[in-house]
N, C-alpha and C. Protein backbone atom coordinates (compact mmCIF):
# COMPACT_ATOMS: atom_id res chain seq x y z
N MET A 1 -33.07 21.13 8.64
CA MET A 1 -32.19 21.51 9.80
C MET A 1 -30.79 21.72 9.45
N ALA A 2 -31.19 22.36 7.89
CA ALA A 2 -30.11 22.71 7.40
C ALA A 2 -29.12 23.76 7.96
N ARG A 3 -28.09 23.95 8.38
CA ARG A 3 -27.13 24.99 8.86
C ARG A 3 -26.23 25.56 7.56
N GLU A 4 -26.02 27.01 7.99
CA GLU A 4 -24.62 27.45 7.40
C GLU A 4 -23.51 27.24 8.06
N HIS A 5 -22.79 26.75 7.09
CA HIS A 5 -21.24 26.48 7.57
C HIS A 5 -20.44 27.85 7.45
N LEU A 6 -19.84 28.03 8.53
CA LEU A 6 -19.04 28.78 8.94
C LEU A 6 -17.73 28.95 7.88
N SER A 7 -17.00 30.27 7.77
CA SER A 7 -15.92 30.50 6.70
C SER A 7 -14.80 29.81 7.69
N ASN A 8 -13.59 29.49 7.30
CA ASN A 8 -12.82 28.92 7.92
C ASN A 8 -12.21 29.84 9.11
N ASP A 9 -12.11 31.33 9.20
CA ASP A 9 -11.64 32.05 10.08
C ASP A 9 -12.50 31.99 11.10
N GLU A 10 -13.92 32.56 10.56
CA GLU A 10 -15.08 32.39 11.51
C GLU A 10 -14.89 31.03 12.53
N PHE A 11 -14.74 29.99 12.13
CA PHE A 11 -14.68 28.89 12.69
C PHE A 11 -13.73 28.61 13.75
N PHE A 12 -12.56 29.03 13.30
CA PHE A 12 -11.12 29.12 14.44
C PHE A 12 -11.37 30.07 15.53
N THR A 13 -12.25 31.55 15.20
CA THR A 13 -12.73 32.13 16.19
C THR A 13 -13.74 31.79 17.19
N ASN A 14 -14.53 30.89 16.28
CA ASN A 14 -15.28 30.00 17.54
C ASN A 14 -14.76 29.30 18.12
N LEU A 15 -13.91 28.37 17.56
CA LEU A 15 -13.41 27.18 18.31
C LEU A 15 -12.32 27.97 19.60
N SER A 16 -11.78 28.67 19.21
CA SER A 16 -10.93 29.55 20.32
C SER A 16 -12.11 29.91 21.56
N GLY A 17 -12.96 30.61 21.37
CA GLY A 17 -13.88 31.04 22.21
C GLY A 17 -14.71 29.64 22.59
N LEU A 18 -14.90 28.77 22.32
CA LEU A 18 -15.10 27.53 22.93
C LEU A 18 -14.05 26.80 23.84
N LEU A 19 -12.93 26.71 23.49
CA LEU A 19 -11.48 25.97 24.03
C LEU A 19 -11.68 26.87 25.45
N GLU A 20 -11.58 28.36 25.21
CA GLU A 20 -11.02 29.43 26.13
C GLU A 20 -12.68 29.17 27.26
N ALA A 21 -14.11 29.04 26.89
CA ALA A 21 -14.85 28.88 28.09
C ALA A 21 -14.64 27.85 28.93
N ASN A 22 -14.53 26.47 28.16
CA ASN A 22 -14.18 25.49 29.05
C ASN A 22 -13.15 25.58 29.75
N ARG A 23 -12.11 26.23 29.60
CA ARG A 23 -10.73 26.63 30.32
C ARG A 23 -11.01 27.41 31.57
N LYS A 24 -12.16 28.62 31.24
CA LYS A 24 -12.43 29.15 32.48
C LYS A 24 -13.44 28.33 33.36
N LYS A 25 -14.44 27.58 32.98
CA LYS A 25 -15.25 26.97 33.77
C LYS A 25 -14.56 25.51 34.59
N GLY A 26 -12.97 25.18 34.00
CA GLY A 26 -12.50 24.53 34.56
C GLY A 26 -12.77 22.44 34.38
N HIS A 27 -13.64 22.81 33.50
CA HIS A 27 -14.22 21.26 33.42
C HIS A 27 -15.25 21.20 31.62
N GLY A 28 -15.04 20.13 31.05
CA GLY A 28 -15.75 20.25 30.09
C GLY A 28 -14.90 19.82 28.89
N SER A 29 -15.79 19.40 28.06
CA SER A 29 -15.17 18.11 26.86
C SER A 29 -15.48 19.17 25.15
N VAL A 30 -14.56 19.11 24.62
CA VAL A 30 -14.87 19.76 22.99
C VAL A 30 -14.84 18.71 21.88
N PHE A 31 -15.74 18.22 21.07
CA PHE A 31 -15.70 17.36 20.34
C PHE A 31 -15.13 17.72 18.95
N LEU A 32 -14.11 17.36 18.44
CA LEU A 32 -13.72 17.95 17.12
C LEU A 32 -13.91 16.74 16.18
N THR A 33 -14.81 16.88 14.98
CA THR A 33 -14.65 15.52 14.16
C THR A 33 -14.21 16.26 12.78
N GLN A 34 -13.68 15.46 11.82
CA GLN A 34 -13.54 15.52 10.33
C GLN A 34 -13.92 14.43 9.67
N LYS A 35 -14.60 14.70 8.52
CA LYS A 35 -14.63 13.62 7.66
C LYS A 35 -14.78 14.18 6.09
N ARG A 36 -14.84 13.62 5.05
CA ARG A 36 -14.56 13.81 3.55
C ARG A 36 -16.29 13.90 3.33
N LEU A 37 -16.55 15.22 2.75
CA LEU A 37 -17.76 15.51 2.30
C LEU A 37 -17.96 15.00 0.85
N ASN A 38 -18.99 13.89 1.00
CA ASN A 38 -19.15 13.23 -0.24
C ASN A 38 -20.14 14.19 -1.22
N PHE A 39 -20.36 14.98 -1.04
CA PHE A 39 -21.41 15.61 -2.04
C PHE A 39 -20.69 17.09 -2.07
N SER A 40 -20.72 17.86 -3.51
CA SER A 40 -20.24 19.17 -3.80
C SER A 40 -21.23 20.27 -3.52
N LEU A 41 -20.82 21.01 -2.70
CA LEU A 41 -21.49 22.33 -2.79
C LEU A 41 -21.96 22.68 -3.99
N ASP A 42 -20.88 22.83 -4.82
CA ASP A 42 -21.60 23.62 -6.01
C ASP A 42 -21.84 22.33 -6.84
N PHE A 43 -23.24 22.29 -7.56
CA PHE A 43 -23.48 21.46 -8.45
C PHE A 43 -22.78 21.23 -9.86
N SER A 44 -21.80 21.95 -9.89
CA SER A 44 -21.18 21.81 -11.25
C SER A 44 -20.25 20.31 -11.53
N THR A 45 -19.89 20.05 -10.25
CA THR A 45 -19.16 18.83 -10.23
C THR A 45 -20.19 17.27 -10.40
N PRO A 46 -19.31 16.60 -10.91
CA PRO A 46 -20.57 15.09 -11.27
C PRO A 46 -20.44 14.35 -9.96
N VAL A 47 -21.10 14.16 -9.58
CA VAL A 47 -21.73 12.99 -8.35
C VAL A 47 -20.57 11.70 -8.74
N LEU A 48 -20.16 10.76 -7.98
CA LEU A 48 -19.47 9.76 -7.90
C LEU A 48 -20.70 8.51 -8.17
N THR A 49 -20.02 8.15 -9.86
CA THR A 49 -20.94 6.87 -10.11
C THR A 49 -20.33 5.57 -9.59
N LYS A 50 -20.80 4.57 -9.03
CA LYS A 50 -20.83 3.14 -8.36
C LYS A 50 -19.98 2.24 -9.62
N VAL A 51 -18.74 1.90 -9.43
CA VAL A 51 -18.31 1.06 -10.59
C VAL A 51 -18.62 -0.63 -9.85
N ALA A 52 -19.47 -1.35 -10.65
CA ALA A 52 -19.69 -2.65 -10.17
C ALA A 52 -18.66 -3.63 -9.66
N ASP A 53 -17.63 -3.70 -10.36
CA ASP A 53 -16.58 -4.56 -10.02
C ASP A 53 -15.70 -4.08 -9.09
N ASP A 54 -15.80 -2.76 -8.62
CA ASP A 54 -14.58 -2.14 -8.09
C ASP A 54 -15.10 -2.13 -6.20
N PRO A 55 -14.98 -2.85 -5.54
CA PRO A 55 -15.37 -2.37 -4.24
C PRO A 55 -15.25 -1.32 -3.36
N LEU A 56 -14.19 -0.93 -3.65
CA LEU A 56 -13.80 0.60 -3.05
C LEU A 56 -13.79 1.72 -4.31
N TRP A 57 -14.70 1.58 -4.88
CA TRP A 57 -14.65 2.61 -5.77
C TRP A 57 -14.95 3.98 -5.30
N ASP A 58 -15.42 4.19 -3.81
CA ASP A 58 -15.60 5.77 -3.48
C ASP A 58 -14.25 6.32 -2.88
N THR A 59 -13.03 5.59 -2.84
CA THR A 59 -12.11 5.59 -2.40
C THR A 59 -11.00 6.73 -3.47
N HIS A 60 -11.42 6.60 -4.48
CA HIS A 60 -10.40 7.37 -5.70
C HIS A 60 -11.53 7.88 -6.30
N PRO A 61 -11.67 9.20 -6.02
CA PRO A 61 -12.68 10.19 -6.86
C PRO A 61 -11.76 10.69 -8.11
N GLU A 62 -12.57 11.25 -8.72
CA GLU A 62 -11.74 11.81 -10.08
C GLU A 62 -11.17 13.06 -9.89
N ASN A 63 -11.86 13.90 -8.71
CA ASN A 63 -11.20 15.37 -8.59
C ASN A 63 -11.17 15.19 -6.74
N PRO A 64 -10.17 15.73 -5.94
CA PRO A 64 -10.29 15.80 -4.39
C PRO A 64 -11.37 16.14 -3.84
N LEU A 65 -11.98 15.47 -2.91
CA LEU A 65 -13.25 16.06 -2.57
C LEU A 65 -12.85 16.70 -0.87
N PRO A 66 -13.77 17.93 -0.85
CA PRO A 66 -13.43 19.02 0.47
C PRO A 66 -13.80 18.05 1.50
N LEU A 67 -13.38 18.38 3.04
CA LEU A 67 -13.58 17.97 4.10
C LEU A 67 -14.54 19.03 5.06
N ILE A 68 -15.47 18.26 5.78
CA ILE A 68 -16.14 19.21 6.81
C ILE A 68 -15.47 18.86 7.68
N VAL A 69 -15.19 19.95 8.97
CA VAL A 69 -14.77 19.86 10.43
C VAL A 69 -15.82 20.59 11.12
N ARG A 70 -16.34 19.72 12.16
CA ARG A 70 -17.20 20.28 13.18
C ARG A 70 -16.74 20.27 14.61
N ALA A 71 -17.08 21.21 15.12
CA ALA A 71 -16.78 20.96 16.68
C ALA A 71 -18.39 21.56 17.58
N SER A 72 -18.10 20.68 18.64
CA SER A 72 -19.45 20.92 19.21
C SER A 72 -18.61 20.74 20.97
N ASN A 73 -19.46 21.24 21.93
CA ASN A 73 -19.12 21.12 23.29
C ASN A 73 -20.20 19.82 23.77
N SER A 74 -19.82 19.31 24.91
CA SER A 74 -20.14 18.21 25.41
C SER A 74 -21.91 18.11 25.88
N LYS A 75 -22.66 19.25 25.77
CA LYS A 75 -23.81 19.35 26.46
C LYS A 75 -24.99 18.72 25.45
N SER A 76 -25.84 18.33 25.92
CA SER A 76 -26.73 17.40 25.18
C SER A 76 -28.05 18.02 25.69
N THR A 77 -29.00 17.58 25.08
CA THR A 77 -30.57 18.56 25.16
C THR A 77 -31.19 17.65 26.22
N LYS A 78 -32.01 18.37 27.51
CA LYS A 78 -32.38 17.40 28.30
C LYS A 78 -33.54 16.62 27.59
N ARG A 79 -33.50 15.00 27.95
CA ARG A 79 -34.62 14.29 27.66
C ARG A 79 -35.61 13.86 28.67
N ASP A 80 -34.89 14.19 30.08
CA ASP A 80 -35.80 13.73 30.80
C ASP A 80 -36.70 14.79 31.80
N GLY A 81 -36.61 16.08 31.41
CA GLY A 81 -37.08 17.02 31.95
C GLY A 81 -36.45 17.59 33.13
N SER A 82 -35.47 17.23 33.67
CA SER A 82 -35.27 17.27 34.53
C SER A 82 -34.45 19.21 34.92
N ASP A 83 -34.60 19.12 36.24
CA ASP A 83 -33.70 20.60 36.41
C ASP A 83 -32.66 21.09 36.58
N ARG A 84 -31.65 19.94 36.10
CA ARG A 84 -30.21 19.95 36.01
C ARG A 84 -30.01 21.62 35.48
N LYS A 85 -28.74 21.90 36.04
CA LYS A 85 -28.13 23.35 35.36
C LYS A 85 -27.77 23.40 33.82
N ALA A 86 -28.78 23.77 32.88
CA ALA A 86 -28.72 23.35 31.49
C ALA A 86 -27.95 24.63 31.08
N GLU A 87 -26.99 24.13 30.10
CA GLU A 87 -26.03 25.04 28.87
C GLU A 87 -26.72 24.57 27.85
N ALA A 88 -26.39 25.92 26.79
CA ALA A 88 -26.89 25.53 25.77
C ALA A 88 -25.83 24.52 25.05
N LYS A 89 -25.98 23.59 24.14
CA LYS A 89 -25.35 22.74 23.62
C LYS A 89 -25.04 23.59 22.18
N VAL A 90 -23.09 23.82 21.69
CA VAL A 90 -22.85 24.93 20.95
C VAL A 90 -22.51 23.95 19.67
N LYS A 91 -22.84 24.12 18.62
CA LYS A 91 -22.31 23.34 17.41
C LYS A 91 -21.93 24.23 16.19
N PHE A 92 -20.89 23.95 15.45
CA PHE A 92 -20.66 24.74 14.33
C PHE A 92 -19.72 23.74 13.50
N SER A 93 -19.65 24.04 12.41
CA SER A 93 -18.59 23.55 11.14
C SER A 93 -18.12 24.28 10.22
N THR A 94 -17.31 23.90 9.44
CA THR A 94 -16.68 24.53 8.02
C THR A 94 -16.52 23.53 7.14
N VAL A 95 -16.43 23.88 6.18
CA VAL A 95 -16.22 23.32 4.88
C VAL A 95 -14.64 23.60 4.25
N VAL A 96 -13.71 22.61 4.26
CA VAL A 96 -12.43 23.14 3.81
C VAL A 96 -12.28 22.52 2.62
N GLN A 97 -11.96 23.33 1.42
CA GLN A 97 -11.60 22.97 0.13
C GLN A 97 -10.17 22.18 0.14
N PRO A 98 -10.06 21.29 -1.06
CA PRO A 98 -8.78 20.78 -1.15
C PRO A 98 -7.50 21.37 -1.12
N ASP A 99 -7.70 22.49 -1.92
CA ASP A 99 -6.21 23.43 -2.11
C ASP A 99 -5.87 24.16 -0.80
N ALA A 100 -6.73 24.15 0.33
CA ALA A 100 -6.60 24.99 1.32
C ALA A 100 -6.44 24.25 2.58
N ILE A 101 -6.17 22.71 2.30
CA ILE A 101 -5.97 21.97 3.34
C ILE A 101 -5.23 22.27 4.46
N ASP A 102 -3.57 21.84 3.73
CA ASP A 102 -2.84 22.48 4.41
C ASP A 102 -2.62 23.63 5.42
N ARG A 103 -3.14 24.98 4.80
CA ARG A 103 -3.16 26.02 5.58
C ARG A 103 -4.03 25.80 6.77
N PHE A 104 -5.02 25.33 6.48
CA PHE A 104 -6.11 25.01 7.33
C PHE A 104 -5.50 24.17 8.70
N PHE A 105 -5.12 22.69 8.27
CA PHE A 105 -4.22 22.27 9.51
C PHE A 105 -3.05 22.79 10.31
N ALA A 106 -2.60 23.59 9.43
CA ALA A 106 -1.53 24.33 10.32
C ALA A 106 -2.23 24.96 11.61
N ARG A 107 -2.96 25.90 11.00
CA ARG A 107 -3.75 26.68 11.88
C ARG A 107 -4.49 26.06 12.74
N TYR A 108 -5.11 25.11 12.29
CA TYR A 108 -6.17 24.29 13.25
C TYR A 108 -5.24 23.58 14.70
N ALA A 109 -4.05 23.12 14.43
CA ALA A 109 -3.02 22.55 15.16
C ALA A 109 -2.64 23.86 16.31
N GLU A 110 -2.20 25.13 15.87
CA GLU A 110 -1.84 26.38 16.68
C GLU A 110 -3.15 26.38 17.36
N VAL A 111 -4.34 26.43 17.05
CA VAL A 111 -5.56 26.54 17.99
C VAL A 111 -5.57 25.69 18.97
N CYS A 112 -5.59 24.57 18.70
CA CYS A 112 -5.88 23.54 19.63
C CYS A 112 -4.55 23.36 20.61
N LYS A 113 -3.38 23.62 19.88
CA LYS A 113 -2.46 23.59 21.08
C LYS A 113 -2.71 24.60 22.04
N ALA A 114 -3.10 25.82 21.52
CA ALA A 114 -3.35 27.06 22.52
C ALA A 114 -4.49 26.63 23.40
N GLY A 115 -5.42 26.27 23.30
CA GLY A 115 -6.65 25.65 23.95
C GLY A 115 -6.30 24.31 24.99
N MET A 116 -5.30 23.76 24.75
CA MET A 116 -4.89 22.66 25.62
C MET A 116 -3.50 23.19 26.62
N SER A 117 -3.27 24.42 26.53
CA SER A 117 -2.18 24.84 27.54
C SER A 117 -2.37 24.53 28.63
N ALA A 118 -3.76 24.83 29.37
CA ALA A 118 -4.04 24.78 30.63
C ALA A 118 -4.11 23.84 31.21
N MET A 119 -3.75 22.55 30.49
CA MET A 119 -4.61 21.39 30.86
C MET A 119 -3.49 20.86 31.99
N LYS A 120 -3.88 20.18 33.06
CA LYS A 120 -3.02 19.59 33.83
C LYS A 120 -2.61 17.96 33.79
N LYS A 121 -1.61 17.80 33.96
CA LYS A 121 -0.95 16.47 33.86
C LYS A 121 -1.93 15.38 34.80
N ARG A 122 -2.19 14.15 34.64
CA ARG A 122 -2.90 13.60 35.46
C ARG A 122 -1.84 12.85 36.26
N ASP A 123 -2.36 12.87 37.92
CA ASP A 123 -1.47 12.42 39.00
C ASP A 123 -2.16 10.96 38.81
N ARG A 124 -0.64 10.14 38.63
CA ARG A 124 -1.06 8.35 38.65
C ARG A 124 -0.31 7.95 39.95
N THR A 125 0.44 8.82 40.66
CA THR A 125 1.24 7.93 41.92
C THR A 125 0.11 7.37 42.96
N LYS A 126 -0.81 7.93 43.31
CA LYS A 126 -1.87 7.53 44.03
C LYS A 126 -2.15 5.87 43.76
N LYS A 127 -2.70 5.77 42.50
CA LYS A 127 -3.19 4.48 41.95
C LYS A 127 -1.86 3.64 42.05
N LYS A 128 -0.83 3.86 41.78
CA LYS A 128 0.30 3.20 42.07
C LYS A 128 0.66 2.36 42.96
N LYS A 129 0.55 3.68 44.09
CA LYS A 129 1.01 3.28 45.65
C LYS A 129 0.00 2.24 45.98
N ASP A 130 -1.29 2.73 45.88
CA ASP A 130 -2.44 1.85 46.11
C ASP A 130 -2.36 0.23 45.85
N LYS A 131 -1.83 -0.17 44.75
CA LYS A 131 -1.34 -1.23 43.82
C LYS A 131 -0.57 -2.48 44.53
N ARG A 132 0.57 -1.31 45.29
CA ARG A 132 1.68 -1.98 45.78
C ARG A 132 1.22 -2.62 47.00
N LYS A 133 0.22 -1.40 47.66
CA LYS A 133 -0.05 -1.97 49.17
C LYS A 133 -1.02 -3.25 48.89
N LYS A 134 -1.87 -3.50 48.03
CA LYS A 134 -2.55 -4.67 47.62
C LYS A 134 -1.72 -5.49 47.56
N VAL A 135 -0.94 -5.43 46.75
CA VAL A 135 -0.18 -6.86 46.50
C VAL A 135 0.82 -7.23 47.73
N LYS A 136 1.30 -6.26 48.38
CA LYS A 136 2.18 -6.49 49.40
C LYS A 136 1.51 -7.08 50.55
N ALA A 137 -0.04 -6.93 50.71
CA ALA A 137 -1.06 -7.36 51.55
C ALA A 137 -1.39 -8.75 51.17
N GLY A 138 -1.50 -9.07 49.92
CA GLY A 138 -1.71 -10.41 49.43
C GLY A 138 -1.01 -11.47 49.60
N VAL A 139 0.63 -10.88 49.62
CA VAL A 139 1.49 -11.75 49.47
C VAL A 139 1.82 -12.48 50.82
């Protein structure tokens, strides 16, 4: 089940498309995750070795480790065989090298802000009014 990671530029193109598709539908979620990539894609760098007396041995590697950034929509595979409207689950990822992290996150912030531009602020006035009425009626 190994998938190829996209290049950083392809990742941003796909992420923009995913955010735009959710904006056009009017609903949906996009999940963005990131974590440290514990193994190296090239096998020339040595793997971390566990130190017996250090409980946090993996928090200070010899060389900086790359990040893996993933994006997916909120669709899941059908488990119960129902006939609900099914859309394909979209998943893609990219690996960010340590020397490119600053450039990556600058562009990542731009893409995410552009994708959230059409979001509406939640209207909370109705909830507050309902609570006030309940408090007055109870007193």
